[in-house]
Amino acid sequence: MLNNIKKTTLFHEYYEEWIQVYKEGAIRDVTMKKYELTLSWVRRLSPELQVGELNRITYQKLLNDYALLHERQTTMDFHHQLKGAILDALDEGLINRDPTRKAIIKGKTPRVKKCKYLNQFELHQLLADLNLEEGLNWDWLILLIAKTGLRFSEALALTPADFDFTKQSISVNKTWNYKEGGGFQPTKNRSSVRRVQLDWQLIVQFSTLLRNLPEDKPIFIQGKVYNSTVNDVLERHCRKLHIPVISVHGLRHTHASLLLFAGVSIASVAQRLGHSSMTTTQKTYLHIIQELENKDIDLVMRSLSSLS
C-alpha cells in the first residue's frame, strides 16, 4: 500500500511512488528506465491530473496526446506500463471504475522499417567477407552470433570455461553489462540460461583461438565496449557487399529466420534463442511463420492435385 496517497494526489506523483514501491529492485535496470521514461511523459502530458480524476475520458486523452508523437506499438507499451499502477489505484478505492477498460490505442503512421535480417545468400556473402585470419576480433563475434543467435550481451560475457569442446556446445549463463561500464550480470530471464550447440567447424576454430586464455575472463572484452562499435564494423561489411545493412541484433534475427525457413520447429528455435515462451518467438517472427504456412498450403494443394 502506498503512503499518504489521496484522490487529490497528482497522478504522476502517485505513479512515481508506485514505481519505487513495486518495481525498484524487482526488474532489470533497462526495464526500470522504460518505466522512468513513461513517468516523464505523464508529467509532461498531464501535469495537473489528479488520481481521483482518472476516468475513461481523461485516460483516453492522455493516450491520445502520447500517440500524436509515437507509433501505435510504442503507445501500447505506454498503456501497459500505466495500467498496472491504475488497477492498483482501483483496488485501493482511489478511483471508482477501471479507466483503462476499452482504451483505444492510436499512433503515428509507422516509419518504413529497416531490414532486420539477411537471407541465406546474403549471410554467406557476409561470412565469407569476415577477417578471421588473425586472433579474436569483432569479426569473430559477428561469426559467433550469426551461427548461434546469441544476444550481444550474452556473446560478450562468454569465457573459455563456457565452451565444451567435447559436447560441441557453449553454456549461456550470464551477460555482460556493456551499457553501464562492464561486469557480469544475470541473463535476461531464466529461460535464457541454456546450452547452445555449435557446428564442428566453429568448435575447431574456437578451440584454437581460446588456447591458453584465462578460463574466467570474457574472450571479447578489451576495455569498455559499445555496441555501436560492432555495428559500425558490421555496417562496413554490408555496404562493401551491397547487402542490407543490419545491426548485430539483426544477426540474431537472421539466425532464427534461417532456422525457421529450414523447417526447425518453433519450440526448438525458442529454446535456442532463450525466449521465455514460444509466444515470444511466434510474435517476433510472425511474418516468417506466415510465409511458411503459405508454402505448406501450396505443398498440400500440389499433393492433393496429384491424387487420382
C-alpha atoms as a PDB file:
ATOM      1  CA  MET A   1       0.000   0.000   0.000  1.00  0.00           C
ATOM      2  CA  LEU A   2       1.369   3.420  -0.920  1.00  0.00           C
ATOM      3  CA  ASN A   3       1.849   6.097   1.739  1.00  0.00           C
ATOM      4  CA  ASN A   4      -0.273   9.262   2.004  1.00  0.00           C
ATOM      5  CA  ILE A   5      -1.917   8.816  -1.388  1.00  0.00           C
ATOM      6  CA  LYS A   6      -5.298  10.521  -1.734  1.00  0.00           C
ATOM      7  CA  LYS A   7      -7.711  11.117  -4.577  1.00  0.00           C
ATOM      8  CA  THR A   8      -6.315  14.645  -4.841  1.00  0.00           C
ATOM      9  CA  THR A   9      -2.718  13.389  -5.263  1.00  0.00           C
ATOM     10  CA  LEU A  10      -1.309  14.229  -8.680  1.00  0.00           C
ATOM     11  CA  PHE A  11      -1.314  11.143 -10.890  1.00  0.00           C
ATOM     12  CA  HIS A  12       2.362  11.482 -11.844  1.00  0.00           C
ATOM     13  CA  GLU A  13       3.298  11.660  -8.120  1.00  0.00           C
ATOM     14  CA  TYR A  14       1.268   8.526  -7.422  1.00  0.00           C
ATOM     15  CA  TYR A  15       2.843   6.762 -10.392  1.00  0.00           C
ATOM     16  CA  GLU A  16       6.356   7.729  -9.284  1.00  0.00           C
ATOM     17  CA  GLU A  17       5.788   6.274  -5.803  1.00  0.00           C
ATOM     18  CA  TRP A  18       4.157   3.172  -7.298  1.00  0.00           C
ATOM     19  CA  ILE A  19       7.284   2.557  -9.412  1.00  0.00           C
ATOM     20  CA  GLN A  20       9.514   2.936  -6.343  1.00  0.00           C
ATOM     21  CA  VAL A  21       7.412   0.558  -4.241  1.00  0.00           C
ATOM     22  CA  TYR A  22       6.631  -2.163  -6.773  1.00  0.00           C
ATOM     23  CA  LYS A  23       9.323  -2.011  -9.450  1.00  0.00           C
ATOM     24  CA  GLU A  24      12.563  -0.718  -7.943  1.00  0.00           C
ATOM     25  CA  GLY A  25      14.882  -3.681  -7.279  1.00  0.00           C
ATOM     26  CA  ALA A  26      12.443  -6.163  -8.833  1.00  0.00           C
ATOM     27  CA  ILE A  27      13.177  -5.531 -12.510  1.00  0.00           C
ATOM     28  CA  ARG A  28      16.273  -5.079 -14.659  1.00  0.00           C
ATOM     29  CA  ASP A  29      17.778  -1.610 -14.966  1.00  0.00           C
ATOM     30  CA  VAL A  30      16.899  -1.384 -18.653  1.00  0.00           C
ATOM     31  CA  THR A  31      13.213  -2.093 -17.854  1.00  0.00           C
ATOM     32  CA  MET A  32      13.308   0.380 -14.969  1.00  0.00           C
ATOM     33  CA  LYS A  33      14.472   3.073 -17.377  1.00  0.00           C
ATOM     34  CA  LYS A  34      11.381   2.419 -19.518  1.00  0.00           C
ATOM     35  CA  TYR A  35       9.111   2.992 -16.511  1.00  0.00           C
ATOM     36  CA  GLU A  36      11.001   6.190 -15.695  1.00  0.00           C
ATOM     37  CA  LEU A  37      10.581   7.357 -19.297  1.00  0.00           C
ATOM     38  CA  THR A  38       6.834   6.662 -19.065  1.00  0.00           C
ATOM     39  CA  LEU A  39       6.752   8.716 -15.846  1.00  0.00           C
ATOM     40  CA  SER A  40       8.450  11.647 -17.566  1.00  0.00           C
ATOM     41  CA  TRP A  41       5.813  11.583 -20.324  1.00  0.00           C
ATOM     42  CA  VAL A  42       2.956  11.538 -17.777  1.00  0.00           C
ATOM     43  CA  ARG A  43       4.493  14.596 -16.064  1.00  0.00           C
ATOM     44  CA  ARG A  44       4.788  16.336 -19.419  1.00  0.00           C
ATOM     45  CA  LEU A  45       1.340  15.490 -20.831  1.00  0.00           C
ATOM     46  CA  SER A  46      -0.836  15.557 -17.677  1.00  0.00           C
ATOM     47  CA  PRO A  47       0.961  17.643 -15.044  1.00  0.00           C
ATOM     48  CA  GLU A  48      -2.266  18.639 -13.236  1.00  0.00           C
ATOM     49  CA  LEU A  49      -4.203  15.363 -13.491  1.00  0.00           C
ATOM     50  CA  GLN A  50      -5.229  14.022 -10.056  1.00  0.00           C
ATOM     51  CA  VAL A  51      -5.637  10.328  -9.252  1.00  0.00           C
ATOM     52  CA  GLY A  52      -9.322  10.812  -8.454  1.00  0.00           C
ATOM     53  CA  GLU A  53      -9.881  12.465 -11.847  1.00  0.00           C
ATOM     54  CA  LEU A  54      -8.874   9.337 -13.736  1.00  0.00           C
ATOM     55  CA  ASN A  55     -11.760   8.107 -15.845  1.00  0.00           C
ATOM     56  CA  ARG A  56     -12.108   6.694 -19.348  1.00  0.00           C
ATOM     57  CA  ILE A  57     -12.135  10.153 -20.928  1.00  0.00           C
ATOM     58  CA  THR A  58      -9.140  11.648 -19.071  1.00  0.00           C
ATOM     59  CA  TYR A  59      -7.147   8.437 -19.563  1.00  0.00           C
ATOM     60  CA  GLN A  60      -8.012   8.235 -23.271  1.00  0.00           C
ATOM     61  CA  LYS A  61      -6.948  11.876 -23.678  1.00  0.00           C
ATOM     62  CA  LEU A  62      -3.579  11.025 -22.086  1.00  0.00           C
ATOM     63  CA  LEU A  63      -3.147   8.115 -24.524  1.00  0.00           C
ATOM     64  CA  ASN A  64      -4.210  10.262 -27.487  1.00  0.00           C
ATOM     65  CA  ASP A  65      -1.717  13.011 -26.597  1.00  0.00           C
ATOM     66  CA  TYR A  66       1.053  10.426 -26.322  1.00  0.00           C
ATOM     67  CA  ALA A  67       0.006   8.796 -29.616  1.00  0.00           C
ATOM     68  CA  LEU A  68       0.434  12.072 -31.502  1.00  0.00           C
ATOM     69  CA  LEU A  69       4.204  11.692 -31.078  1.00  0.00           C
ATOM     70  CA  HIS A  70       4.629   7.904 -31.064  1.00  0.00           C
ATOM     71  CA  GLU A  71       3.836   4.857 -33.167  1.00  0.00           C
ATOM     72  CA  ARG A  72       0.986   2.554 -32.165  1.00  0.00           C
ATOM     73  CA  GLN A  73       3.196  -0.171 -30.664  1.00  0.00           C
ATOM     74  CA  THR A  74       5.034   2.369 -28.510  1.00  0.00           C
ATOM     75  CA  THR A  75       1.664   3.748 -27.345  1.00  0.00           C
ATOM     76  CA  MET A  76       0.592   0.209 -26.493  1.00  0.00           C
ATOM     77  CA  ASP A  77       3.714  -0.227 -24.337  1.00  0.00           C
ATOM     78  CA  PHE A  78       2.976   3.125 -22.620  1.00  0.00           C
ATOM     79  CA  HIS A  79      -0.580   1.920 -21.898  1.00  0.00           C
ATOM     80  CA  HIS A  80       0.618  -1.382 -20.416  1.00  0.00           C
ATOM     81  CA  GLN A  81       3.137   0.348 -18.142  1.00  0.00           C
ATOM     82  CA  LEU A  82       0.456   2.639 -16.739  1.00  0.00           C
ATOM     83  CA  LYS A  83      -2.263   0.022 -16.451  1.00  0.00           C
ATOM     84  CA  GLY A  84      -0.699  -1.889 -13.532  1.00  0.00           C
ATOM     85  CA  ALA A  85      -0.494   1.248 -11.397  1.00  0.00           C
ATOM     86  CA  ILE A  86      -4.032   2.336 -12.308  1.00  0.00           C
ATOM     87  CA  LEU A  87      -5.528  -1.064 -11.434  1.00  0.00           C
ATOM     88  CA  ASP A  88      -3.806  -0.858  -8.046  1.00  0.00           C
ATOM     89  CA  ALA A  89      -5.377   2.592  -7.528  1.00  0.00           C
ATOM     90  CA  LEU A  90      -8.730   0.978  -8.327  1.00  0.00           C
ATOM     91  CA  ASP A  91      -8.100  -1.753  -5.731  1.00  0.00           C
ATOM     92  CA  GLU A  92      -7.236   0.895  -3.140  1.00  0.00           C
ATOM     93  CA  GLY A  93     -10.520   2.733  -3.761  1.00  0.00           C
ATOM     94  CA  LEU A  94      -8.826   5.839  -5.148  1.00  0.00           C
ATOM     95  CA  ILE A  95     -10.915   5.575  -8.322  1.00  0.00           C
ATOM     96  CA  ASN A  96     -14.340   4.019  -8.785  1.00  0.00           C
ATOM     97  CA  ARG A  97     -14.013   2.318 -12.190  1.00  0.00           C
ATOM     98  CA  ASP A  98     -11.254   0.998 -14.402  1.00  0.00           C
ATOM     99  CA  PRO A  99     -10.385   3.863 -16.803  1.00  0.00           C
ATOM    100  CA  THR A 100      -8.195   1.602 -18.939  1.00  0.00           C
ATOM    101  CA  ARG A 101     -11.155  -0.597 -19.980  1.00  0.00           C
ATOM    102  CA  LYS A 102     -11.817  -0.433 -23.727  1.00  0.00           C
ATOM    103  CA  ALA A 103      -8.977   2.062 -24.206  1.00  0.00           C
ATOM    104  CA  ILE A 104      -8.346   2.832 -27.887  1.00  0.00           C
ATOM    105  CA  ILE A 105      -4.686   2.603 -28.875  1.00  0.00           C
ATOM    106  CA  LYS A 106      -3.703   5.032 -31.626  1.00  0.00           C
ATOM    107  CA  GLY A 107      -0.348   6.140 -33.004  1.00  0.00           C
ATOM    108  CA  LYS A 108       1.602   7.789 -35.785  1.00  0.00           C
ATOM    109  CA  THR A 109       1.990   6.003 -39.092  1.00  0.00           C
ATOM    110  CA  PRO A 110       4.949   3.634 -38.661  1.00  0.00           C
ATOM    111  CA  ARG A 111       8.148   4.588 -40.391  1.00  0.00           C
ATOM    112  CA  VAL A 112       9.437   2.372 -43.159  1.00  0.00           C
ATOM    113  CA  LYS A 113      11.146  -0.410 -41.266  1.00  0.00           C
ATOM    114  CA  LYS A 114      14.775  -1.170 -41.965  1.00  0.00           C
ATOM    115  CA  CYS A 115      15.539  -4.724 -42.969  1.00  0.00           C
ATOM    116  CA  LYS A 116      16.204  -6.663 -39.772  1.00  0.00           C
ATOM    117  CA  TYR A 117      17.760  -9.798 -41.194  1.00  0.00           C
ATOM    118  CA  LEU A 118      19.668 -11.231 -44.144  1.00  0.00           C
ATOM    119  CA  ASN A 119      18.642 -14.071 -46.388  1.00  0.00           C
ATOM    120  CA  GLN A 120      20.796 -17.170 -46.699  1.00  0.00           C
ATOM    121  CA  PHE A 121      22.712 -15.941 -49.756  1.00  0.00           C
ATOM    122  CA  GLU A 122      23.449 -12.556 -48.135  1.00  0.00           C
ATOM    123  CA  LEU A 123      24.603 -14.231 -44.927  1.00  0.00           C
ATOM    124  CA  HIS A 124      27.004 -16.460 -46.895  1.00  0.00           C
ATOM    125  CA  GLN A 125      28.421 -13.336 -48.524  1.00  0.00           C
ATOM    126  CA  LEU A 126      28.869 -11.635 -45.155  1.00  0.00           C
ATOM    127  CA  LEU A 127      30.593 -14.595 -43.509  1.00  0.00           C
ATOM    128  CA  ALA A 128      32.937 -15.014 -46.482  1.00  0.00           C
ATOM    129  CA  ASP A 129      33.990 -11.365 -46.141  1.00  0.00           C
ATOM    130  CA  LEU A 130      34.919 -11.581 -42.440  1.00  0.00           C
ATOM    131  CA  ASN A 131      38.559 -11.174 -41.456  1.00  0.00           C
ATOM    132  CA  LEU A 132      39.186 -14.383 -39.498  1.00  0.00           C
ATOM    133  CA  GLU A 133      42.889 -14.811 -40.140  1.00  0.00           C
ATOM    134  CA  GLU A 134      44.202 -13.042 -37.027  1.00  0.00           C
ATOM    135  CA  GLY A 135      43.306 -13.521 -33.368  1.00  0.00           C
ATOM    136  CA  LEU A 136      39.985 -12.727 -31.724  1.00  0.00           C
ATOM    137  CA  ASN A 137      38.401  -9.560 -33.131  1.00  0.00           C
ATOM    138  CA  TRP A 138      34.903  -8.190 -33.748  1.00  0.00           C
ATOM    139  CA  ASP A 139      34.572 -10.262 -36.937  1.00  0.00           C
ATOM    140  CA  TRP A 140      34.815 -13.395 -34.816  1.00  0.00           C
ATOM    141  CA  LEU A 141      32.000 -12.059 -32.619  1.00  0.00           C
ATOM    142  CA  ILE A 142      29.890 -11.435 -35.737  1.00  0.00           C
ATOM    143  CA  LEU A 143      30.506 -15.018 -36.892  1.00  0.00           C
ATOM    144  CA  LEU A 144      29.632 -16.459 -33.468  1.00  0.00           C
ATOM    145  CA  ILE A 145      26.341 -14.544 -33.145  1.00  0.00           C
ATOM    146  CA  ALA A 146      25.356 -15.369 -36.737  1.00  0.00           C
ATOM    147  CA  LYS A 147      25.860 -19.077 -36.062  1.00  0.00           C
ATOM    148  CA  THR A 148      24.343 -19.239 -32.559  1.00  0.00           C
ATOM    149  CA  GLY A 149      21.709 -16.496 -32.359  1.00  0.00           C
ATOM    150  CA  LEU A 150      23.104 -15.260 -29.044  1.00  0.00           C
ATOM    151  CA  ARG A 151      22.177 -11.826 -27.748  1.00  0.00           C
ATOM    152  CA  PHE A 152      25.017  -9.290 -27.978  1.00  0.00           C
ATOM    153  CA  SER A 153      25.376  -9.129 -24.178  1.00  0.00           C
ATOM    154  CA  GLU A 154      25.408 -12.944 -23.938  1.00  0.00           C
ATOM    155  CA  ALA A 155      28.181 -13.272 -26.523  1.00  0.00           C
ATOM    156  CA  LEU A 156      30.287 -10.599 -24.796  1.00  0.00           C
ATOM    157  CA  ALA A 157      30.063 -12.498 -21.491  1.00  0.00           C
ATOM    158  CA  LEU A 158      31.443 -15.774 -22.894  1.00  0.00           C
ATOM    159  CA  THR A 159      34.606 -17.086 -21.258  1.00  0.00           C
ATOM    160  CA  PRO A 160      36.728 -20.103 -22.275  1.00  0.00           C
ATOM    161  CA  ALA A 161      35.096 -22.030 -19.412  1.00  0.00           C
ATOM    162  CA  ASP A 162      31.722 -21.695 -21.181  1.00  0.00           C
ATOM    163  CA  PHE A 163      32.923 -23.733 -24.183  1.00  0.00           C
ATOM    164  CA  ASP A 164      32.505 -27.519 -24.038  1.00  0.00           C
ATOM    165  CA  PHE A 165      34.523 -28.745 -26.995  1.00  0.00           C
ATOM    166  CA  THR A 166      33.714 -32.399 -26.282  1.00  0.00           C
ATOM    167  CA  LYS A 167      29.950 -31.862 -26.449  1.00  0.00           C
ATOM    168  CA  GLN A 168      30.261 -29.147 -29.136  1.00  0.00           C
ATOM    169  CA  SER A 169      28.297 -26.583 -27.160  1.00  0.00           C
ATOM    170  CA  ILE A 170      28.513 -23.360 -25.176  1.00  0.00           C
ATOM    171  CA  SER A 171      26.885 -22.589 -21.858  1.00  0.00           C
ATOM    172  CA  VAL A 172      24.938 -19.315 -21.748  1.00  0.00           C
ATOM    173  CA  ASN A 173      24.620 -18.418 -18.067  1.00  0.00           C
ATOM    174  CA  LYS A 174      25.362 -14.686 -17.764  1.00  0.00           C
ATOM    175  CA  THR A 175      25.521 -11.428 -19.717  1.00  0.00           C
ATOM    176  CA  TRP A 176      27.990  -8.538 -19.922  1.00  0.00           C
ATOM    177  CA  ASN A 177      26.734  -5.173 -18.664  1.00  0.00           C
ATOM    178  CA  TYR A 178      28.233  -3.169 -21.543  1.00  0.00           C
ATOM    179  CA  LYS A 179      25.730  -0.316 -21.123  1.00  0.00           C
ATOM    180  CA  GLU A 180      26.982   0.560 -17.650  1.00  0.00           C
ATOM    181  CA  GLY A 181      30.735   0.120 -17.825  1.00  0.00           C
ATOM    182  CA  GLY A 182      31.029  -3.670 -17.860  1.00  0.00           C
ATOM    183  CA  GLY A 183      30.862  -6.596 -15.448  1.00  0.00           C
ATOM    184  CA  PHE A 184      28.913  -9.833 -15.395  1.00  0.00           C
ATOM    185  CA  GLN A 185      25.182  -9.788 -14.675  1.00  0.00           C
ATOM    186  CA  PRO A 186      22.316 -12.331 -14.842  1.00  0.00           C
ATOM    187  CA  THR A 187      20.676 -13.386 -18.087  1.00  0.00           C
ATOM    188  CA  LYS A 188      17.511 -11.681 -19.328  1.00  0.00           C
ATOM    189  CA  ASN A 189      15.276 -14.413 -17.856  1.00  0.00           C
ATOM    190  CA  ARG A 190      15.522 -17.959 -16.546  1.00  0.00           C
ATOM    191  CA  SER A 191      14.877 -19.416 -19.994  1.00  0.00           C
ATOM    192  CA  SER A 192      17.945 -17.562 -21.262  1.00  0.00           C
ATOM    193  CA  VAL A 193      20.188 -19.913 -19.253  1.00  0.00           C
ATOM    194  CA  ARG A 194      20.796 -22.662 -21.783  1.00  0.00           C
ATOM    195  CA  ARG A 195      23.275 -24.739 -23.779  1.00  0.00           C
ATOM    196  CA  VAL A 196      23.658 -23.912 -27.465  1.00  0.00           C
ATOM    197  CA  GLN A 197      25.052 -26.473 -29.873  1.00  0.00           C
ATOM    198  CA  LEU A 198      27.854 -25.372 -32.221  1.00  0.00           C
ATOM    199  CA  ASP A 199      28.767 -26.763 -35.622  1.00  0.00           C
ATOM    200  CA  TRP A 200      32.027 -28.715 -35.820  1.00  0.00           C
ATOM    201  CA  GLN A 201      33.783 -26.014 -37.850  1.00  0.00           C
ATOM    202  CA  LEU A 202      33.112 -23.348 -35.202  1.00  0.00           C
ATOM    203  CA  ILE A 203      34.277 -25.732 -32.483  1.00  0.00           C
ATOM    204  CA  VAL A 204      37.602 -26.346 -34.252  1.00  0.00           C
ATOM    205  CA  GLN A 205      38.125 -22.625 -34.846  1.00  0.00           C
ATOM    206  CA  PHE A 206      37.420 -21.573 -31.239  1.00  0.00           C
ATOM    207  CA  SER A 207      39.366 -24.440 -29.672  1.00  0.00           C
ATOM    208  CA  THR A 208      42.443 -22.950 -31.350  1.00  0.00           C
ATOM    209  CA  LEU A 209      41.563 -19.323 -30.588  1.00  0.00           C
ATOM    210  CA  LEU A 210      40.938 -19.908 -26.875  1.00  0.00           C
ATOM    211  CA  ARG A 211      44.050 -21.917 -26.214  1.00  0.00           C
ATOM    212  CA  ASN A 212      45.975 -20.518 -23.180  1.00  0.00           C
ATOM    213  CA  LEU A 213      43.384 -17.799 -22.463  1.00  0.00           C
ATOM    214  CA  PRO A 214      42.254 -17.299 -18.807  1.00  0.00           C
ATOM    215  CA  GLU A 215      39.301 -19.583 -18.142  1.00  0.00           C
ATOM    216  CA  ASP A 216      37.171 -16.989 -16.332  1.00  0.00           C
ATOM    217  CA  LYS A 217      37.816 -13.860 -18.429  1.00  0.00           C
ATOM    218  CA  PRO A 218      35.479 -12.689 -21.245  1.00  0.00           C
ATOM    219  CA  ILE A 219      37.142 -13.530 -24.543  1.00  0.00           C
ATOM    220  CA  PHE A 220      35.981 -10.430 -26.456  1.00  0.00           C
ATOM    221  CA  ILE A 221      36.422  -7.739 -23.801  1.00  0.00           C
ATOM    222  CA  GLN A 222      39.364  -5.361 -24.017  1.00  0.00           C
ATOM    223  CA  GLY A 223      38.299  -2.294 -22.031  1.00  0.00           C
ATOM    224  CA  LYS A 224      34.926  -0.562 -22.448  1.00  0.00           C
ATOM    225  CA  VAL A 225      32.669  -1.939 -25.183  1.00  0.00           C
ATOM    226  CA  TYR A 226      29.969  -0.146 -27.172  1.00  0.00           C
ATOM    227  CA  ASN A 227      27.501  -1.964 -29.399  1.00  0.00           C
ATOM    228  CA  SER A 228      27.868   0.933 -31.859  1.00  0.00           C
ATOM    229  CA  THR A 229      31.486  -0.143 -32.423  1.00  0.00           C
ATOM    230  CA  VAL A 230      30.458  -3.626 -33.552  1.00  0.00           C
ATOM    231  CA  ASN A 231      27.501  -2.250 -35.519  1.00  0.00           C
ATOM    232  CA  ASP A 232      29.928   0.002 -37.413  1.00  0.00           C
ATOM    233  CA  VAL A 233      32.139  -2.986 -38.274  1.00  0.00           C
ATOM    234  CA  LEU A 234      29.104  -4.925 -39.466  1.00  0.00           C
ATOM    235  CA  GLU A 235      27.803  -1.954 -41.471  1.00  0.00           C
ATOM    236  CA  ARG A 236      31.117  -1.623 -43.331  1.00  0.00           C
ATOM    237  CA  HIS A 237      30.909  -5.275 -44.401  1.00  0.00           C
ATOM    238  CA  CYS A 238      27.278  -4.877 -45.524  1.00  0.00           C
ATOM    239  CA  ARG A 239      27.941  -1.724 -47.556  1.00  0.00           C
ATOM    240  CA  LYS A 240      31.010  -3.250 -49.187  1.00  0.00           C
ATOM    241  CA  LEU A 241      28.941  -6.271 -50.274  1.00  0.00           C
ATOM    242  CA  HIS A 242      25.869  -4.187 -51.259  1.00  0.00           C
ATOM    243  CA  ILE A 243      23.602  -6.200 -48.973  1.00  0.00           C
ATOM    244  CA  PRO A 244      21.051  -4.795 -46.465  1.00  0.00           C
ATOM    245  CA  VAL A 245      22.696  -3.023 -43.525  1.00  0.00           C
ATOM    246  CA  ILE A 246      21.625  -4.789 -40.343  1.00  0.00           C
ATOM    247  CA  SER A 247      22.609  -4.442 -36.699  1.00  0.00           C
ATOM    248  CA  VAL A 248      24.341  -7.021 -34.514  1.00  0.00           C
ATOM    249  CA  HIS A 249      20.898  -7.866 -33.115  1.00  0.00           C
ATOM    250  CA  GLY A 250      19.853  -8.391 -36.735  1.00  0.00           C
ATOM    251  CA  LEU A 251      22.286 -11.321 -36.837  1.00  0.00           C
ATOM    252  CA  ARG A 252      20.147 -12.964 -34.153  1.00  0.00           C
ATOM    253  CA  HIS A 253      17.036 -12.380 -36.297  1.00  0.00           C
ATOM    254  CA  THR A 254      18.912 -13.791 -39.308  1.00  0.00           C
ATOM    255  CA  HIS A 255      19.854 -16.924 -37.366  1.00  0.00           C
ATOM    256  CA  ALA A 256      16.277 -17.537 -36.202  1.00  0.00           C
ATOM    257  CA  SER A 257      14.808 -16.791 -39.631  1.00  0.00           C
ATOM    258  CA  LEU A 258      17.067 -19.278 -41.407  1.00  0.00           C
ATOM    259  CA  LEU A 259      16.240 -21.982 -38.852  1.00  0.00           C
ATOM    260  CA  LEU A 260      12.505 -21.440 -39.333  1.00  0.00           C
ATOM    261  CA  PHE A 261      12.800 -21.466 -43.133  1.00  0.00           C
ATOM    262  CA  ALA A 262      14.819 -24.692 -42.839  1.00  0.00           C
ATOM    263  CA  GLY A 263      11.868 -26.299 -41.051  1.00  0.00           C
ATOM    264  CA  VAL A 264      13.168 -26.258 -37.472  1.00  0.00           C
ATOM    265  CA  SER A 265      10.236 -26.240 -35.028  1.00  0.00           C
ATOM    266  CA  ILE A 266       9.217 -23.059 -33.213  1.00  0.00           C
ATOM    267  CA  ALA A 267       9.816 -24.852 -29.890  1.00  0.00           C
ATOM    268  CA  SER A 268      13.423 -25.636 -30.818  1.00  0.00           C
ATOM    269  CA  VAL A 269      14.077 -22.107 -32.093  1.00  0.00           C
ATOM    270  CA  ALA A 270      12.588 -20.620 -28.902  1.00  0.00           C
ATOM    271  CA  GLN A 271      14.837 -22.822 -26.757  1.00  0.00           C
ATOM    272  CA  ARG A 272      17.943 -21.994 -28.797  1.00  0.00           C
ATOM    273  CA  LEU A 273      17.262 -18.242 -28.590  1.00  0.00           C
ATOM    274  CA  GLY A 274      16.471 -18.368 -24.868  1.00  0.00           C
ATOM    275  CA  HIS A 275      12.956 -16.975 -25.255  1.00  0.00           C
ATOM    276  CA  SER A 276      10.756 -17.195 -22.164  1.00  0.00           C
ATOM    277  CA  SER A 277       7.978 -18.819 -24.223  1.00  0.00           C
ATOM    278  CA  MET A 278       7.136 -19.912 -27.744  1.00  0.00           C
ATOM    279  CA  THR A 279       4.669 -16.995 -27.844  1.00  0.00           C
ATOM    280  CA  THR A 280       7.619 -14.580 -27.897  1.00  0.00           C
ATOM    281  CA  THR A 281       9.112 -16.437 -30.848  1.00  0.00           C
ATOM    282  CA  GLN A 282       5.785 -16.519 -32.683  1.00  0.00           C
ATOM    283  CA  LYS A 283       5.219 -12.772 -32.210  1.00  0.00           C
ATOM    284  CA  THR A 284       8.765 -11.832 -33.223  1.00  0.00           C
ATOM    285  CA  TYR A 285       8.826 -13.998 -36.330  1.00  0.00           C
ATOM    286  CA  LEU A 286       5.133 -13.932 -37.265  1.00  0.00           C
ATOM    287  CA  HIS A 287       5.848 -12.779 -40.832  1.00  0.00           C
ATOM    288  CA  ILE A 288       8.175 -15.720 -41.439  1.00  0.00           C
ATOM    289  CA  ILE A 289       5.768 -18.203 -39.877  1.00  0.00           C
ATOM    290  CA  GLN A 290       3.001 -16.884 -42.147  1.00  0.00           C
ATOM    291  CA  GLU A 291       5.244 -17.303 -45.209  1.00  0.00           C
ATOM    292  CA  LEU A 292       5.985 -20.879 -44.147  1.00  0.00           C
ATOM    293  CA  GLU A 293       2.264 -21.578 -43.659  1.00  0.00           C
ATOM    294  CA  ASN A 294       1.615 -20.330 -47.211  1.00  0.00           C
ATOM    295  CA  LYS A 295       4.362 -22.640 -48.505  1.00  0.00           C
ATOM    296  CA  ASP A 296       2.771 -25.531 -46.585  1.00  0.00           C
ATOM    297  CA  ILE A 297      -0.649 -24.773 -48.109  1.00  0.00           C
ATOM    298  CA  ASP A 298       0.885 -24.755 -51.604  1.00  0.00           C
ATOM    299  CA  LEU A 299       2.592 -28.069 -50.852  1.00  0.00           C
ATOM    300  CA  VAL A 300      -0.664 -29.600 -49.594  1.00  0.00           C
ATOM    301  CA  MET A 301      -2.567 -28.388 -52.680  1.00  0.00           C
ATOM    302  CA  ARG A 302       0.081 -29.795 -55.021  1.00  0.00           C
ATOM    303  CA  SER A 303      -0.029 -33.117 -53.188  1.00  0.00           C
ATOM    304  CA  LEU A 304      -3.814 -33.287 -53.363  1.00  0.00           C
ATOM    305  CA  SER A 305      -3.919 -32.343 -57.059  1.00  0.00           C
ATOM    306  CA  SER A 306      -1.570 -35.223 -57.821  1.00  0.00           C
ATOM    307  CA  LEU A 307      -4.030 -37.722 -56.359  1.00  0.00           C
ATOM    308  CA  SER A 308      -6.273 -39.510 -58.849  1.00  0.00           C
END
